C-alpha cells in the first residue's frame, strides 16, 4: 500500500504509520484552531493578536524536535 519513499519517511522520523497519522492529525487540529483565530482576528483585531503566530512557532519547534530524534 505504501511506497518505499513512504516507508523511508517513516523510518527517518522514527514513527510507525499509526504514530505518524496521529502526529499529523494533531497538526491538522492545531492549524484549524489557528485558522479560526486568524479569521476572528481579521474582523476584530483586538482578539487573538498573537495566537496564530505563537501556534505556528510552537508547531515548527515540534517538527524540528521530531527531526532531531
Protein backbone atom coordinates (compact mmCIF):
# COMPACT_ATOMS: atom_id res chain seq x y z
CA UNK A 1 0.00 0.00 0.00
CA UNK A 2 2.79 2.44 0.85
CA UNK A 3 5.70 3.16 -1.41
CA UNK A 4 9.35 2.77 -0.50
CA UNK A 5 9.53 6.56 -0.13
CA UNK A 6 6.71 6.49 2.42
CA UNK A 7 8.47 3.76 4.38
CA UNK A 8 11.74 5.72 4.19
CA UNK A 9 9.99 8.81 5.56
CA UNK A 10 8.52 6.85 8.46
CA UNK A 11 11.99 5.45 9.17
CA UNK A 12 13.50 8.95 9.00
CA UNK A 13 11.06 10.29 11.59
CA UNK A 14 11.22 7.09 13.63
CA UNK A 15 7.45 6.55 13.67
CA UNK A 16 5.03 3.80 12.85
CA UNK A 17 2.24 4.53 10.38
CA UNK A 18 -0.23 4.97 13.24
CA UNK A 19 2.12 7.26 15.20
CA UNK A 20 2.66 9.36 12.09
CA UNK A 21 -1.09 9.51 11.45
CA UNK A 22 -1.77 10.73 14.99
CA UNK A 23 1.09 13.24 14.83
CA UNK A 24 -0.15 14.66 11.51
CA UNK A 25 -3.78 14.70 12.63
CA UNK A 26 -2.77 16.63 15.74
CA UNK A 27 -1.21 19.22 13.45
CA UNK A 28 -4.44 19.49 11.49
CA UNK A 29 -6.37 20.20 14.68
CA UNK A 30 -3.89 22.81 15.87
CA UNK A 31 -3.72 24.50 12.45
CA UNK A 32 -7.52 24.63 12.26
CA UNK A 33 -7.60 26.37 15.65
CA UNK A 34 -5.02 28.85 14.37
CA UNK A 35 -7.11 29.34 11.23
CA UNK A 36 -10.20 30.16 13.28
CA UNK A 37 -8.19 32.54 15.47
CA UNK A 38 -6.96 34.33 12.33
CA UNK A 39 -10.49 34.58 10.99
CA UNK A 40 -11.64 36.16 14.24
CA UNK A 41 -8.60 38.44 14.31
CA UNK A 42 -9.28 39.53 10.73
CA UNK A 43 -12.63 41.01 11.74
CA UNK A 44 -11.79 42.04 15.30
CA UNK A 45 -8.04 42.70 15.55
CA UNK A 46 -8.12 43.05 19.33
CA UNK A 47 -8.83 39.32 19.66
CA UNK A 48 -6.26 36.55 19.25
CA UNK A 49 -3.48 39.03 18.50
CA UNK A 50 -0.64 36.51 18.64
CA UNK A 51 -2.40 33.14 18.93
CA UNK A 52 -1.83 32.00 15.34
CA UNK A 53 1.79 33.13 15.10
CA UNK A 54 2.57 31.63 18.51
CA UNK A 55 0.91 28.36 17.46
CA UNK A 56 2.83 28.22 14.18
CA UNK A 57 6.13 28.80 16.01
CA UNK A 58 5.22 26.07 18.51
CA UNK A 59 4.36 23.60 15.74
CA UNK A 60 7.59 24.44 13.88
CA UNK A 61 9.56 23.75 17.06
CA UNK A 62 7.72 20.44 17.44
CA UNK A 63 8.66 19.44 13.89
CA UNK A 64 12.28 20.46 14.43
CA UNK A 65 12.42 18.47 17.66
CA UNK A 66 10.95 15.41 15.93
CA UNK A 67 13.60 15.56 13.22
CA UNK A 68 16.41 15.72 15.80
CA UNK A 69 15.49 12.31 17.23
